């Protein structure tokens, strides 16, 4: 299945592996170079989540703005926007009305891009300029003594959509025996696997094991459970969900799509 031809709003999109996806070129007028892109999901109305990779430098030719707002999470390499360098693992949101004096993707950079509508680069200035929003920088602890944070938010609290890094496995991490569901859609990209994700819809349980580069998209109310299956290190995932998203957890399997059974 090619998720580029499936509307993620119509149901679960599970078992996706970026290694099996079609590589497409991403070329925008006004920006020199091209990106390789793999579409992880789409709404069929122009919004999409994609994994983008640069083989060479990809840079704007002049001042301008993008036609759509988008979130960008750098996974490797670096991106420079308006004189600021975004390194792994960091978040930035570019608004459709953000004035872009510089947009440059270094060679051998990989990032997750989530755009709201079809993306173009316009050479004129926006009518009303908005700031580019820079988020947090996650750096995994290299110390064996350890204070590990098992959930690290990359986005400012003010954003309507949140992005966070989640660590699975290891002493003190989340209880994996709990089923959970969220009252908003949720996307997940696996930074380091393997991790087993189960879904339970009206008693029909299915499981998928995701290696690094795995992806899924859940509509609201999907009951699920994460189990870290790594024998060497904790699994790590990155998530996107609404700011006001609420997570409910429970121990019983007596659940249906979106709610518990009394």
Protein backbone atom coordinates (compact mmCIF):
# COMPACT_ATOMS: atom_id res chain seq x y z
CA UNK A 1 0.00 0.00 0.00
CA UNK A 2 1.27 3.45 -0.91
CA UNK A 3 0.06 5.90 1.79
CA UNK A 4 0.33 8.71 -0.76
CA UNK A 5 -2.98 7.40 -2.19
CA UNK A 6 -4.82 6.92 1.13
CA UNK A 7 -6.66 9.59 3.13
CA UNK A 8 -5.43 9.17 6.71
CA UNK A 9 -8.66 10.72 8.07
CA UNK A 10 -10.69 7.70 6.97
CA UNK A 11 -9.16 5.19 9.38
CA UNK A 12 -5.99 3.58 10.64
CA UNK A 13 -2.80 3.81 8.65
CA UNK A 14 -0.53 1.18 10.18
CA UNK A 15 2.46 -0.99 9.38
CA UNK A 16 4.20 1.69 7.29
CA UNK A 17 7.96 1.38 6.80
CA UNK A 18 9.82 4.24 5.12
CA UNK A 19 12.25 1.78 3.54
CA UNK A 20 9.45 0.38 1.37
CA UNK A 21 7.98 3.71 0.24
CA UNK A 22 8.29 5.29 -3.19
CA UNK A 23 11.02 7.92 -3.49
CA UNK A 24 9.71 11.09 -5.14
CA UNK A 25 11.58 14.29 -5.98
CA UNK A 26 10.58 17.52 -4.28
CA UNK A 27 11.44 20.51 -6.43
CA UNK A 28 10.15 24.01 -5.61
CA UNK A 29 10.60 27.05 -7.89
CA UNK A 30 12.74 29.63 -6.09
CA UNK A 31 14.76 26.99 -4.26
CA UNK A 32 17.92 25.54 -5.79
CA UNK A 33 18.31 21.78 -5.68
CA UNK A 34 15.90 19.00 -4.89
CA UNK A 35 14.89 16.86 -1.96
CA UNK A 36 14.03 13.19 -1.97
CA UNK A 37 10.68 12.69 -0.30
CA UNK A 38 8.73 9.71 0.96
CA UNK A 39 5.08 10.42 1.75
CA UNK A 40 4.13 8.86 5.07
CA UNK A 41 0.51 10.04 5.04
CA UNK A 42 -1.81 12.54 3.40
CA UNK A 43 -5.35 13.90 3.64
CA UNK A 44 -5.82 14.04 -0.15
CA UNK A 45 -6.42 17.78 0.24
CA UNK A 46 -2.77 18.77 0.20
CA UNK A 47 -1.85 18.23 3.85
CA UNK A 48 0.82 15.58 4.26
CA UNK A 49 3.52 14.15 6.48
CA UNK A 50 6.67 13.18 4.65
CA UNK A 51 10.24 12.16 5.25
CA UNK A 52 12.59 14.38 3.26
CA UNK A 53 16.29 13.81 2.54
CA UNK A 54 18.88 16.03 0.87
CA UNK A 55 21.78 14.58 -1.10
CA UNK A 56 23.17 18.05 -1.84
CA UNK A 57 22.50 21.55 -0.54
CA UNK A 58 18.91 22.73 -0.99
CA UNK A 59 18.64 26.52 -0.61
CA UNK A 60 16.36 29.47 -1.35
CA UNK A 61 17.49 31.86 -4.08
CA UNK A 62 15.82 35.01 -2.76
CA UNK A 63 13.65 36.44 0.01
CA UNK A 64 10.09 35.17 0.02
CA UNK A 65 7.59 33.00 1.89
CA UNK A 66 6.01 29.56 1.63
CA UNK A 67 2.44 29.09 0.44
CA UNK A 68 1.62 26.78 3.35
CA UNK A 69 2.53 26.53 7.00
CA UNK A 70 4.60 23.48 7.90
CA UNK A 71 6.30 21.82 10.85
CA UNK A 72 9.81 20.51 10.43
CA UNK A 73 11.70 18.15 12.75
CA UNK A 74 15.36 17.68 11.83
CA UNK A 75 16.51 14.09 12.38
CA UNK A 76 20.07 14.36 11.04
CA UNK A 77 22.18 17.05 9.40
CA UNK A 78 21.06 20.66 9.77
CA UNK A 79 18.67 23.27 8.37
CA UNK A 80 19.34 27.01 8.43
CA UNK A 81 16.36 29.38 8.53
CA UNK A 82 16.80 33.15 8.70
CA UNK A 83 20.32 32.79 10.10
CA UNK A 84 19.43 30.21 12.75
CA UNK A 85 20.67 26.62 12.55
CA UNK A 86 18.29 23.78 13.47
CA UNK A 87 20.16 20.65 14.50
CA UNK A 88 18.96 17.13 15.41
CA UNK A 89 16.52 16.57 17.13
CA UNK A 90 14.84 19.99 16.93
CA UNK A 91 11.52 21.45 15.87
CA UNK A 92 10.66 24.52 13.81
CA UNK A 93 7.33 25.81 12.49
CA UNK A 94 7.27 28.01 9.40
CA UNK A 95 4.04 29.93 8.86
CA UNK A 96 2.63 30.69 5.44
CA UNK A 97 3.15 34.35 6.35
CA UNK A 98 6.67 33.95 7.72
CA UNK A 99 9.18 36.13 5.87
CA UNK A 100 12.03 33.84 4.77
CA UNK A 101 15.33 35.58 4.10
CA UNK A 102 17.20 32.27 4.14
CA UNK A 103 16.14 28.64 3.89
CA UNK A 104 18.96 26.17 3.46
CA UNK A 105 19.09 22.40 3.96
CA UNK A 106 22.60 20.99 4.30
CA UNK A 107 23.67 17.98 2.27
CA UNK A 108 22.84 14.62 3.86
CA UNK A 109 20.06 16.03 6.03
CA UNK A 110 16.94 14.05 6.96
CA UNK A 111 13.79 15.63 8.39
CA UNK A 112 10.10 15.04 8.97
CA UNK A 113 7.94 17.68 7.26
CA UNK A 114 4.24 18.16 8.05
CA UNK A 115 2.59 20.70 5.76
CA UNK A 116 -1.01 21.92 5.94
CA UNK A 117 -1.61 22.33 2.19
CA UNK A 118 0.28 22.13 -1.13
CA UNK A 119 3.70 23.73 -0.77
CA UNK A 120 5.25 26.41 -2.99
CA UNK A 121 7.88 29.09 -2.41
CA UNK A 122 6.68 32.59 -3.34
CA UNK A 123 9.19 35.30 -4.21
CA UNK A 124 7.10 38.16 -2.83
CA UNK A 125 6.73 39.29 0.76
CA UNK A 126 3.73 38.10 2.81
CA UNK A 127 0.92 40.56 3.45
CA UNK A 128 1.25 40.18 7.22
CA UNK A 129 4.54 38.76 8.44
CA UNK A 130 4.58 36.14 11.23
CA UNK A 131 7.57 34.86 13.14
CA UNK A 132 9.18 31.52 12.45
CA UNK A 133 8.66 29.49 15.65
CA UNK A 134 11.67 27.59 16.94
CA UNK A 135 11.15 24.75 19.40
CA UNK A 136 13.32 22.73 21.74
CA UNK A 137 16.41 20.67 21.03
CA UNK A 138 16.40 17.08 22.32
CA UNK A 139 19.79 15.61 23.09
CA UNK A 140 19.82 12.08 24.44
CA UNK A 141 21.88 11.66 27.60
CA UNK A 142 25.20 9.92 27.04
CA UNK A 143 25.70 9.37 30.79
CA UNK A 144 25.34 5.93 32.30
CA UNK A 145 24.48 7.48 35.65
CA UNK A 146 21.35 8.62 34.26
CA UNK A 147 18.61 10.96 34.42
CA UNK A 148 16.63 9.93 31.43
CA UNK A 149 13.55 11.85 30.43
CA UNK A 150 11.01 9.47 28.99
CA UNK A 151 8.87 12.16 27.36
CA UNK A 152 10.39 15.34 25.91
CA UNK A 153 8.24 18.03 24.27
CA UNK A 154 9.87 19.72 21.28
CA UNK A 155 7.17 22.33 20.64
CA UNK A 156 6.25 25.48 22.59
CA UNK A 157 3.06 25.02 24.63
CA UNK A 158 1.32 27.75 22.64
CA UNK A 159 1.11 25.70 19.42
CA UNK A 160 -2.17 24.03 18.50
CA UNK A 161 -0.32 20.85 17.54
CA UNK A 162 2.31 19.35 19.79
CA UNK A 163 5.37 17.26 18.92
CA UNK A 164 7.23 15.17 21.46
CA UNK A 165 9.88 12.47 21.74
CA UNK A 166 8.90 9.36 23.71
CA UNK A 167 11.28 6.78 25.19
CA UNK A 168 9.99 3.21 25.67
CA UNK A 169 11.64 0.60 27.86
CA UNK A 170 14.12 0.87 30.65
CA UNK A 171 13.67 1.28 34.39
CA UNK A 172 11.19 4.01 35.27
CA UNK A 173 9.59 4.30 31.85
CA UNK A 174 5.90 4.06 31.02
CA UNK A 175 3.97 0.97 32.16
CA UNK A 176 3.63 -1.05 28.97
CA UNK A 177 0.85 -3.24 30.37
CA UNK A 178 -1.69 -0.45 30.03
CA UNK A 179 -3.96 0.04 27.06
CA UNK A 180 -4.50 3.66 26.09
CA UNK A 181 -6.43 5.84 23.70
CA UNK A 182 -6.29 9.49 22.74
CA UNK A 183 -9.19 11.86 22.06
CA UNK A 184 -7.51 13.31 18.96
CA UNK A 185 -5.71 11.97 15.89
CA UNK A 186 -2.10 10.98 16.49
CA UNK A 187 0.88 10.36 14.22
CA UNK A 188 3.99 8.46 15.21
CA UNK A 189 7.39 7.98 13.56
CA UNK A 190 9.86 5.47 15.01
CA UNK A 191 13.30 6.96 15.50
CA UNK A 192 14.73 3.81 17.05
CA UNK A 193 13.10 0.42 17.19
CA UNK A 194 11.98 -2.21 17.40
CA UNK A 195 8.69 -1.49 19.13
CA UNK A 196 5.48 -3.49 19.06
CA UNK A 197 2.25 -1.51 18.75
CA UNK A 198 -1.10 -3.26 19.29
CA UNK A 199 -4.54 -1.88 18.43
CA UNK A 200 -7.86 -3.12 19.80
CA UNK A 201 -11.01 -2.29 17.86
CA UNK A 202 -14.16 -3.89 19.23
CA UNK A 203 -12.10 -6.79 20.54
CA UNK A 204 -10.19 -7.31 17.29
CA UNK A 205 -6.54 -7.05 18.32
CA UNK A 206 -3.79 -6.59 15.75
CA UNK A 207 -0.05 -6.12 16.27
CA UNK A 208 2.68 -4.50 14.20
CA UNK A 209 6.38 -4.45 14.99
CA UNK A 210 8.03 -1.23 13.83
CA UNK A 211 11.73 -0.94 13.20
CA UNK A 212 13.47 2.43 12.83
CA UNK A 213 11.66 4.36 10.10
CA UNK A 214 8.28 2.87 10.94
CA UNK A 215 5.17 5.08 10.92
CA UNK A 216 1.49 4.97 11.80
CA UNK A 217 -1.44 7.40 11.91
CA UNK A 218 -4.42 6.84 14.23
CA UNK A 219 -7.74 8.71 14.11
CA UNK A 220 -9.11 9.71 17.51
CA UNK A 221 -10.13 7.03 19.98
CA UNK A 222 -8.01 4.13 18.75
CA UNK A 223 -7.17 1.86 21.68
CA UNK A 224 -3.50 0.90 21.55
CA UNK A 225 -0.54 -0.38 23.53
CA UNK A 226 3.22 0.04 23.05
CA UNK A 227 5.72 -2.63 24.02
CA UNK A 228 9.45 -2.06 23.63
CA UNK A 229 10.98 -5.23 22.13
CA UNK A 230 14.57 -4.02 21.89
CA UNK A 231 17.22 -6.09 23.63
CA UNK A 232 19.99 -3.48 23.29
CA UNK A 233 18.52 -0.03 23.95
CA UNK A 234 15.21 1.71 24.57
CA UNK A 235 12.96 2.33 21.60
CA UNK A 236 12.37 5.98 20.69
CA UNK A 237 9.40 7.49 18.87
CA UNK A 238 8.30 10.96 17.82
CA UNK A 239 4.62 11.92 18.03
CA UNK A 240 2.26 14.60 16.73
CA UNK A 241 -1.14 15.32 18.29
CA UNK A 242 -3.41 18.25 19.14
CA UNK A 243 -2.39 20.52 22.02
CA UNK A 244 -5.55 19.65 23.98
CA UNK A 245 -5.23 15.94 23.28
CA UNK A 246 -6.01 13.79 26.29
CA UNK A 247 -4.65 10.30 26.88
CA UNK A 248 -6.74 7.76 28.82
CA UNK A 249 -5.23 4.51 30.12
CA UNK A 250 -6.90 1.33 31.37
CA UNK A 251 -6.03 -2.28 32.13
CA UNK A 252 -8.94 -4.22 30.64
CA UNK A 253 -9.28 -5.41 27.06
CA UNK A 254 -13.04 -4.84 27.25
CA UNK A 255 -12.88 -1.75 25.06
CA UNK A 256 -14.46 -0.64 21.83
CA UNK A 257 -13.46 1.93 19.25
CA UNK A 258 -12.96 5.09 21.22
CA UNK A 259 -14.47 4.09 24.57
CA UNK A 260 -14.41 1.56 27.37
CA UNK A 261 -17.19 -0.94 27.81
CA UNK A 262 -18.92 -0.59 31.24
